[in-house]
Protein backbone atom coordinates (compact mmCIF):
# COMPACT_ATOMS: atom_id res chain seq x y z
CA UNK A 1 0.05 0.04 0.00
CA UNK A 2 1.40 3.45 -0.92
CA UNK A 3 1.71 5.25 2.39
CA UNK A 4 2.48 8.50 0.65
CA UNK A 5 -0.76 8.36 -1.32
CA UNK A 6 -2.68 7.66 1.84
CA UNK A 7 -1.18 10.68 3.68
CA UNK A 8 -1.86 12.93 0.69
CA UNK A 9 -5.51 11.72 0.62
CA UNK A 10 -6.18 12.40 4.28
CA UNK A 11 -4.26 15.75 4.19
CA UNK A 12 -6.64 16.95 1.33
CA UNK A 13 -9.63 15.49 3.03
CA UNK A 14 -8.72 17.45 6.20
CA UNK A 15 -8.01 20.62 4.12
CA UNK A 16 -4.42 20.92 5.50
CA UNK A 17 -1.56 22.45 3.50
CA UNK A 18 1.77 20.54 3.34
CA UNK A 19 3.24 23.27 5.61
CA UNK A 20 0.45 22.68 8.33
CA UNK A 21 0.85 18.87 8.28
CA UNK A 22 4.66 18.91 8.30
CA UNK A 23 4.96 21.47 10.95
CA UNK A 24 6.86 20.04 13.90
CA UNK A 25 7.39 16.60 12.23
CA UNK A 26 9.50 17.08 9.04
CA UNK A 27 10.41 19.56 6.38
CA UNK A 28 7.85 20.43 3.65
CA UNK A 29 10.18 18.96 0.97
CA UNK A 30 10.45 15.73 2.92
CA UNK A 31 6.69 15.57 3.05
CA UNK A 32 6.48 16.32 -0.68
CA UNK A 33 8.74 13.33 -1.51
CA UNK A 34 6.78 11.10 0.91
CA UNK A 35 3.43 11.99 -0.74
CA UNK A 36 4.80 11.42 -4.24
CA UNK A 37 5.97 8.05 -3.11
CA UNK A 38 9.56 8.78 -4.03
CA UNK A 39 10.71 8.34 -0.38
CA UNK A 40 9.48 5.84 2.23
CA UNK A 41 9.28 7.53 5.63
CA UNK A 42 10.69 6.19 8.83
CA UNK A 43 7.90 4.49 10.91
CA UNK A 44 7.89 7.20 13.51
CA UNK A 45 7.47 9.95 10.89
CA UNK A 46 4.71 7.99 9.23
CA UNK A 47 2.88 7.44 12.61
CA UNK A 48 3.27 11.15 13.56
CA UNK A 49 1.87 12.43 10.31
CA UNK A 50 -1.17 9.96 10.47
CA UNK A 51 -1.73 10.73 14.11
CA UNK A 52 -1.93 14.53 13.48
CA UNK A 53 -4.88 13.68 11.14
CA UNK A 54 -6.41 11.18 13.58
CA UNK A 55 -5.63 8.21 11.26
CA UNK A 56 -4.58 4.73 12.44
CA UNK A 57 -2.36 2.76 10.09
CA UNK A 58 -3.61 -0.70 11.18
CA UNK A 59 -7.26 0.33 10.40
CA UNK A 60 -6.09 1.66 6.98
CA UNK A 61 -4.65 -1.80 6.23
CA UNK A 62 -7.86 -3.49 7.28
CA UNK A 63 -9.78 -1.05 5.10
CA UNK A 64 -7.38 -1.72 2.16
CA UNK A 65 -7.94 -5.43 2.54
CA UNK A 66 -11.80 -5.01 2.60
CA UNK A 67 -11.58 -2.92 -0.62
CA UNK A 68 -9.40 -5.47 -2.27
CA UNK A 69 -11.96 -8.13 -1.55
CA UNK A 70 -14.67 -5.94 -2.95
CA UNK A 71 -12.59 -5.36 -6.11
CA UNK A 72 -12.02 -9.12 -6.52
CA UNK A 73 -15.82 -9.63 -6.26
CA UNK A 74 -16.27 -6.98 -8.89
CA UNK A 75 -13.73 -8.78 -11.25
CA UNK A 76 -15.29 -12.17 -10.58
CA UNK A 77 -18.72 -10.88 -11.61
CA UNK A 78 -17.22 -9.40 -14.76
CA UNK A 79 -15.64 -12.76 -15.66
CA UNK A 80 -18.80 -14.71 -15.04
CA UNK A 81 -21.22 -12.20 -16.55
CA UNK A 82 -23.07 -11.57 -13.32
CA UNK A 83 -24.21 -8.03 -14.21
CA UNK A 84 -26.70 -7.53 -11.45
CA UNK A 85 -24.03 -8.37 -8.71
CA UNK A 86 -21.42 -6.37 -10.59
CA UNK A 87 -23.66 -3.34 -10.52
CA UNK A 88 -24.03 -3.75 -6.75
CA UNK A 89 -20.22 -3.95 -6.22
CA UNK A 90 -19.74 -1.07 -8.55
CA UNK A 91 -21.94 1.13 -6.30
CA UNK A 92 -20.02 0.12 -3.21
CA UNK A 93 -16.74 0.80 -4.81
CA UNK A 94 -17.80 4.18 -5.99
CA UNK A 95 -18.46 5.15 -2.41
CA UNK A 96 -14.69 4.90 -1.80
CA UNK A 97 -13.66 6.17 -5.22
CA UNK A 98 -11.41 8.93 -3.91
CA UNK A 99 -9.78 6.57 -1.33
CA UNK A 100 -9.20 3.91 -4.02
CA UNK A 101 -6.97 6.32 -5.84
CA UNK A 102 -4.53 6.25 -3.03
CA UNK A 103 -4.11 2.56 -3.01
CA UNK A 104 -2.11 0.13 -5.29
CA UNK A 105 -5.42 -1.26 -6.46
CA UNK A 106 -6.21 1.69 -8.57
CA UNK A 107 -5.09 0.40 -11.96
CA UNK A 108 -7.16 -2.76 -11.78
CA UNK A 109 -10.07 -0.71 -10.46
CA UNK A 110 -10.12 1.70 -13.38
CA UNK A 111 -9.64 -1.10 -15.84
CA UNK A 112 -12.64 -3.02 -14.57
CA UNK A 113 -14.70 0.12 -14.47
CA UNK A 114 -13.96 0.45 -18.14
CA UNK A 115 -15.13 -3.23 -18.65
CA UNK A 116 -18.30 -2.60 -16.64
CA UNK A 117 -19.17 0.37 -18.80
CA UNK A 118 -18.70 -1.75 -21.90
CA UNK A 119 -20.90 -4.47 -20.44
CA UNK A 120 -23.81 -2.01 -19.84
CA UNK A 121 -23.03 -0.21 -23.20
CA UNK A 122 -22.78 3.22 -21.58
CA UNK A 123 -20.79 4.82 -24.34
CA UNK A 124 -20.38 8.34 -22.68
CA UNK A 125 -18.74 6.78 -19.50
CA UNK A 126 -16.79 4.35 -21.61
CA UNK A 127 -15.39 7.24 -23.74
CA UNK A 128 -14.25 9.14 -20.56
CA UNK A 129 -12.82 5.99 -19.05
CA UNK A 130 -10.80 5.31 -22.19
CA UNK A 131 -9.25 8.71 -21.96
CA UNK A 132 -8.39 8.24 -18.35
CA UNK A 133 -6.71 4.85 -18.94
CA UNK A 134 -4.62 6.49 -21.79
CA UNK A 135 -3.18 8.81 -19.18
CA UNK A 136 -2.59 5.90 -16.79
CA UNK A 137 -1.14 3.19 -19.08
CA UNK A 138 2.54 4.05 -18.44
CA UNK A 139 1.96 2.78 -14.89
CA UNK A 140 0.45 -0.58 -16.00
CA UNK A 141 2.03 -3.92 -15.36
CA UNK A 142 2.49 -6.30 -18.24
CA UNK A 143 -0.79 -8.17 -17.41
CA UNK A 144 -2.62 -4.81 -16.91
CA UNK A 145 -1.32 -3.56 -20.32
CA UNK A 146 -2.65 -6.72 -21.90
CA UNK A 147 -6.04 -6.34 -20.30
CA UNK A 148 -6.07 -2.69 -21.43
CA UNK A 149 -5.58 -3.76 -25.01
CA UNK A 150 -8.33 -6.45 -24.84
CA UNK A 151 -10.87 -3.93 -23.29
CA UNK A 152 -9.86 -1.38 -26.06
CA UNK A 153 -10.80 -4.15 -28.56
CA UNK A 154 -14.18 -4.46 -26.88
CA UNK A 155 -14.63 -0.68 -26.93
CA UNK A 156 -13.95 -0.42 -30.60
CA UNK A 157 -16.28 -3.28 -31.19
CA UNK A 158 -19.01 -1.45 -29.32
CA UNK A 159 -18.61 1.72 -31.47
CA UNK A 160 -18.56 -0.32 -34.64
CA UNK A 161 -14.80 0.40 -35.47
CA UNK A 162 -14.09 -3.27 -36.40
CA UNK A 163 -10.76 -2.64 -38.06
CA UNK A 164 -9.34 -1.00 -34.88
CA UNK A 165 -10.89 -3.80 -32.77
CA UNK A 166 -9.10 -6.37 -34.82
CA UNK A 167 -5.88 -4.44 -34.70
CA UNK A 168 -6.04 -4.46 -30.89
CA UNK A 169 -6.86 -8.11 -30.47
CA UNK A 170 -4.19 -9.15 -32.98
CA UNK A 171 -1.55 -7.24 -31.07
CA UNK A 172 -2.47 -9.47 -28.05
CA UNK A 173 -1.03 -12.45 -29.75
CA UNK A 174 2.52 -10.96 -29.30
CA UNK A 175 1.97 -10.70 -25.53
CA UNK A 176 0.17 -13.95 -25.15
CA UNK A 177 2.71 -14.93 -22.45
CA UNK A 178 1.39 -11.98 -20.33
CA UNK A 179 -2.19 -13.05 -20.58
CA UNK A 180 -3.93 -13.37 -17.18
CA UNK A 181 -5.13 -17.10 -17.12
CA UNK A 182 -8.55 -16.13 -16.10
CA UNK A 183 -8.91 -13.95 -19.38
CA UNK A 184 -7.80 -16.74 -21.77
CA UNK A 185 -11.47 -17.58 -22.59
CA UNK A 186 -12.27 -13.92 -23.11
CA UNK A 187 -9.46 -13.47 -25.54
CA UNK A 188 -10.50 -16.45 -27.54
CA UNK A 189 -14.20 -15.28 -27.56
CA UNK A 190 -13.32 -11.75 -28.70
CA UNK A 191 -11.12 -12.95 -31.45
CA UNK A 192 -13.67 -15.43 -32.70
CA UNK A 193 -16.29 -12.70 -32.61
CA UNK A 194 -14.32 -10.28 -34.60
CA UNK A 195 -13.20 -12.91 -37.16
CA UNK A 196 -16.88 -13.89 -37.78
CA UNK A 197 -17.65 -10.18 -38.35
CA UNK A 198 -14.88 -10.24 -41.01
CA UNK A 199 -16.35 -13.47 -42.39
CA UNK A 200 -13.13 -15.52 -41.73
CA UNK A 201 -15.23 -18.49 -40.58
CA UNK A 202 -12.71 -21.24 -40.43
CA UNK A 203 -10.28 -19.31 -38.08
CA UNK A 204 -13.26 -17.95 -36.20
CA UNK A 205 -14.54 -21.51 -35.49
CA UNK A 206 -11.13 -22.43 -34.19
CA UNK A 207 -11.18 -19.65 -31.47
CA UNK A 208 -14.86 -20.13 -30.74
CA UNK A 209 -14.20 -23.84 -30.02
CA UNK A 210 -11.26 -22.84 -27.71
CA UNK A 211 -13.46 -20.41 -25.86
CA UNK A 212 -16.16 -23.12 -25.41
CA UNK A 213 -13.64 -25.49 -24.10
CA UNK A 214 -12.04 -23.02 -21.65
CA UNK A 215 -15.46 -21.82 -20.29
CA UNK A 216 -16.60 -25.42 -19.82
CA UNK A 217 -13.34 -26.46 -18.01
CA UNK A 218 -13.65 -23.52 -15.69
CA UNK A 219 -17.41 -23.99 -14.94
CA UNK A 220 -18.20 -20.45 -16.31
CA UNK A 221 -21.60 -21.53 -17.49
CA UNK A 222 -23.04 -18.10 -18.67
CA UNK A 223 -20.04 -17.25 -20.68
CA UNK A 224 -20.17 -20.82 -21.98
CA UNK A 225 -23.62 -19.99 -23.43
CA UNK A 226 -22.31 -16.87 -25.10
CA UNK A 227 -19.40 -18.97 -26.69
CA UNK A 228 -21.83 -21.75 -27.81
CA UNK A 229 -24.14 -19.06 -29.49
CA UNK A 230 -21.13 -17.61 -31.26
CA UNK A 231 -20.13 -21.13 -32.38
CA UNK A 232 -23.56 -21.93 -33.65
CA UNK A 233 -23.65 -18.60 -35.65
CA UNK A 234 -20.26 -19.75 -37.07
CA UNK A 235 -21.50 -23.13 -38.15
CA UNK A 236 -24.58 -21.58 -39.63
CA UNK A 237 -22.52 -19.14 -41.71
CA UNK A 238 -20.49 -22.08 -42.99
CA UNK A 239 -23.73 -24.06 -43.90
CA UNK A 240 -23.08 -26.57 -41.35
CA UNK A 241 -26.79 -26.37 -40.51
CA UNK A 242 -27.22 -29.65 -38.62
CA UNK A 243 -24.50 -28.81 -36.17
CA UNK A 244 -25.75 -25.30 -35.73
CA UNK A 245 -29.36 -26.39 -35.30
CA UNK A 246 -28.25 -28.90 -32.52
CA UNK A 247 -26.56 -26.08 -30.57
CA UNK A 248 -29.46 -23.68 -31.08
CA UNK A 249 -31.98 -26.29 -29.62
CA UNK A 250 -29.68 -26.76 -26.53
CA UNK A 251 -29.24 -22.96 -26.12
CA UNK A 252 -33.04 -22.38 -26.37
CA UNK A 253 -33.53 -24.61 -23.31
CA UNK A 254 -30.47 -23.58 -21.28
CA UNK A 255 -30.83 -19.82 -21.78
CA UNK A 256 -34.44 -20.07 -20.63
CA UNK A 257 -33.55 -22.21 -17.63
CA UNK A 258 -30.85 -19.80 -16.52
CA UNK A 259 -33.12 -16.75 -17.18
CA UNK A 260 -30.64 -15.08 -19.59
CA UNK A 261 -33.31 -13.16 -21.45
CA UNK A 262 -30.96 -11.35 -23.81
CA UNK A 263 -29.19 -14.59 -24.81
CA UNK A 264 -32.56 -16.39 -25.33
CA UNK A 265 -33.66 -13.69 -27.61
CA UNK A 266 -30.52 -13.69 -29.63
CA UNK A 267 -30.84 -17.49 -29.90
CA UNK A 268 -34.38 -17.42 -31.18
CA UNK A 269 -33.51 -14.75 -33.81
CA UNK A 270 -30.51 -16.54 -35.18
CA UNK A 271 -32.30 -19.97 -35.03
CA UNK A 272 -34.98 -18.34 -37.13
CA UNK A 273 -32.32 -17.23 -39.67
CA UNK A 274 -31.06 -20.81 -39.84
CA UNK A 275 -34.63 -22.14 -40.35
CA UNK A 276 -35.21 -19.63 -43.22
CA UNK A 277 -32.01 -20.88 -44.85
CA UNK A 278 -33.51 -24.43 -44.74
CA UNK A 279 -36.69 -23.13 -46.19
CA UNK A 280 -38.57 -23.99 -42.91
CA UNK A 281 -40.29 -20.56 -42.96
CA UNK A 282 -43.28 -21.53 -40.85
CA UNK A 283 -41.20 -22.53 -37.85
CA UNK A 284 -39.03 -19.43 -38.32
CA UNK A 285 -42.15 -17.25 -38.37
CA UNK A 286 -43.21 -18.79 -35.07
CA UNK A 287 -40.03 -17.99 -33.36
CA UNK A 288 -39.97 -14.46 -34.73
CA UNK A 289 -43.56 -13.93 -33.62
CA UNK A 290 -42.47 -14.91 -30.14
CA UNK A 291 -39.69 -12.53 -30.29
CA UNK A 292 -42.04 -9.78 -31.63
CA UNK A 293 -44.32 -10.30 -28.67
CA UNK A 294 -41.63 -10.19 -25.90
CA UNK A 295 -39.22 -7.53 -27.05
CA UNK A 296 -39.44 -3.79 -26.27
CA UNK A 297 -40.32 -1.94 -29.44
CA UNK A 298 -37.76 0.79 -28.83
CA UNK A 299 -34.73 -1.17 -29.68
CA UNK A 300 -32.74 -1.67 -32.90
CA UNK A 301 -33.06 -5.44 -32.32
CA UNK A 302 -36.79 -5.08 -32.44
CA UNK A 303 -36.65 -3.37 -35.69
CA UNK A 304 -34.32 -6.17 -37.04
CA UNK A 305 -36.89 -8.74 -35.98
CA UNK A 306 -39.57 -6.69 -37.95
CA UNK A 307 -37.41 -6.91 -41.03
CA UNK A 308 -37.01 -10.71 -40.71
CA UNK A 309 -40.73 -11.08 -40.00
CA UNK A 310 -41.63 -9.25 -43.11
CA UNK A 311 -39.33 -11.46 -45.21
CA UNK A 312 -40.67 -14.59 -43.70
CA UNK A 313 -44.38 -13.53 -43.93
CA UNK A 314 -43.92 -12.94 -47.65
CA UNK A 315 -42.34 -16.47 -47.97
CA UNK A 316 -45.40 -18.19 -46.29
CA UNK A 317 -48.00 -16.09 -47.86
CA UNK A 318 -49.02 -14.30 -44.62
CA UNK A 319 -50.10 -10.69 -44.40
CA UNK A 320 -46.81 -8.72 -43.96
CA UNK A 321 -48.34 -5.24 -44.19
CA UNK A 322 -49.03 -4.87 -40.46
CA UNK A 323 -45.28 -5.29 -39.84
CA UNK A 324 -44.33 -2.94 -42.74
CA UNK A 325 -46.65 -0.29 -41.19
CA UNK A 326 -45.22 -0.90 -37.76
CA UNK A 327 -41.62 -0.70 -38.99
CA UNK A 328 -42.39 2.47 -40.99
CA UNK A 329 -43.78 4.07 -37.83
CA UNK A 330 -40.66 3.11 -35.81
CA UNK A 331 -38.12 4.25 -38.42
CA UNK A 332 -38.12 8.02 -38.39
CA UNK A 333 -34.58 8.87 -37.33
CA UNK A 334 -31.41 9.38 -39.35
CA UNK A 335 -30.04 6.14 -37.79
CA UNK A 336 -32.79 4.10 -39.33
CA UNK A 337 -31.65 4.44 -42.98
CA UNK A 338 -31.00 0.61 -42.96
CA UNK A 339 -34.53 -0.14 -42.13
CA UNK A 340 -35.99 2.50 -44.50
CA UNK A 341 -34.12 0.90 -47.39
CA UNK A 342 -35.66 -2.46 -46.49
CA UNK A 343 -39.19 -0.89 -46.30
CA UNK A 344 -38.79 0.64 -49.70
CA UNK A 345 -37.49 -2.64 -50.99
CA UNK A 346 -40.55 -4.64 -49.73
CA UNK A 347 -42.97 -1.95 -51.07
CA UNK A 348 -41.38 -1.93 -54.48
CA UNK A 349 -41.39 -5.64 -54.93
CA UNK A 350 -45.22 -5.56 -55.11
CA UNK A 351 -45.14 -3.31 -58.10
CA UNK A 352 -42.31 -3.44 -60.54
CA UNK A 353 -39.51 -5.99 -60.74
CA UNK A 354 -37.24 -3.64 -62.88
CA UNK A 355 -37.78 -0.75 -60.44
CA UNK A 356 -36.92 -3.10 -57.57
CA UNK A 357 -33.58 -4.16 -59.23
CA UNK A 358 -32.66 -0.54 -60.08
CA UNK A 359 -33.33 0.31 -56.38
CA UNK A 360 -31.17 -2.59 -55.33
CA UNK A 361 -28.33 -1.58 -57.60
CA UNK A 362 -28.38 2.22 -56.99
CA UNK A 363 -29.48 2.52 -53.35
CA UNK A 364 -29.15 -0.78 -51.32
CA UNK A 365 -25.99 -2.19 -52.69
CA UNK A 366 -23.90 1.01 -52.28
CA UNK A 367 -25.27 1.54 -48.67
CA UNK A 368 -24.55 -2.00 -47.51
CA UNK A 369 -21.10 -1.98 -49.06
CA UNK A 370 -20.23 1.50 -47.62
CA UNK A 371 -21.38 0.67 -44.08
CA UNK A 372 -19.84 -2.84 -44.00
CA UNK A 373 -23.00 -4.95 -44.10
CA UNK A 374 -21.22 -7.84 -45.77
CA UNK A 375 -24.06 -10.52 -45.63
CA UNK A 376 -26.57 -7.94 -47.01
CA UNK A 377 -24.33 -6.66 -49.76
CA UNK A 378 -23.51 -10.13 -50.87
CA UNK A 379 -27.20 -11.16 -51.06
CA UNK A 380 -28.02 -8.13 -53.23
CA UNK A 381 -24.91 -8.75 -55.39
CA UNK A 382 -25.99 -12.33 -56.17
CA UNK A 383 -29.53 -11.20 -57.11
CA UNK A 384 -28.14 -8.53 -59.45
CA UNK A 385 -25.55 -10.86 -60.96
CA UNK A 386 -28.34 -13.30 -61.76
CA UNK A 387 -30.51 -10.50 -63.29
CA UNK A 388 -27.84 -9.07 -65.38
CA UNK A 389 -26.74 -12.52 -66.70
CA UNK A 390 -30.40 -13.02 -67.86
CA UNK A 391 -30.35 -9.63 -69.50
CA UNK A 392 -26.89 -10.37 -71.05
CA UNK A 393 -25.37 -7.40 -69.53
CA UNK A 394 -22.19 -9.26 -69.00
CA UNK A 395 -20.02 -6.42 -67.61
CA UNK A 396 -22.45 -5.76 -64.79
CA UNK A 397 -23.08 -9.50 -64.14
CA UNK A 398 -19.30 -10.02 -63.91
CA UNK A 399 -18.86 -7.10 -61.49
CA UNK A 400 -21.49 -8.36 -59.03
CA UNK A 401 -20.65 -12.04 -59.26
CA UNK A 402 -16.98 -11.17 -58.59
CA UNK A 403 -18.01 -9.08 -55.56
CA UNK A 404 -19.93 -12.01 -54.27
CA UNK A 405 -17.20 -14.55 -54.94
CA UNK A 406 -14.62 -12.27 -53.20
CA UNK A 407 -16.58 -12.59 -50.04
CA UNK A 408 -17.95 -9.16 -50.18
CA UNK A 409 -14.65 -7.52 -51.14
């Protein structure tokens, strides 16, 4: 424990100047060196300074040990995705935030605060914490520096800067010997997650399987569900539909039994996407209808479910217009361009096939390509390639077919 930081903390708390505290005990310059932790004071000097402020060193050691236990609980909640308990510990730690800055626990404390803000997706607090950690990083140990890079990767994923996120996580390979063992599964999971975003499915599957193995061996059951969901999505994207469906069935049951509502909802949505791939549109429609009924309508996810419901309703001959109207009413902001494109697409398909294809070529494809929607841009590219082949417009057909074959560029 940094005695100098503790003395400085209590001096500031008692509104004492260095001159007032040092008077009769030591010189001001001597006290300044103690407070900056460049000099360790003699025991008698330390006790005199603390006694002058009514502070007992033994009680401070007890307090420090209590705070370390609280911090360890906070970290454990992070590792096991116990967000409710993590919030409780965060509130407790915040009550002693100023004091924590005087201890040798401060680096870990600030790092895991960053992780907490990322978990709850509070971007404003995460932005501020990122700036704070940039100023602190020169004091990090090797393992703390490694964690900082991992958390930065998560931060860039949150703000949809996938290239920067991948750059951070790739840099961790070089410092793998510094990895804290408890974070091994998190590293594998994040790497698999980013690789699947970049459609590097073979390599993503390798890391997803490593994360599943790690979380299972360490009895980390909630994070195991996350890793299994990622692996199922990977299998689905690689057309290993039987393997993916088997995992989705297990996840449907286990996420419901463990009351992991967010994971349950994501499982239903992705399972429905798999069923659509298998042309089992009726079962997919049932899953999406369940999601539609339980989700809050003020989320991006809800609007994504509406898009999928409209697609599925069209396939089974059900009335899709109620969902079209609902999505139109919910998509009014500038951030809803993705959904507005789909709405126009669905409305145009009922009138003119040539107009629909022109719209796909001039509006949808450029938007999806610009904003990194790889799956969507590939789907449109394949439709356009087929159309232009039929029309014998070979140059355009070659362009869109090439884009599709190159895995979305």
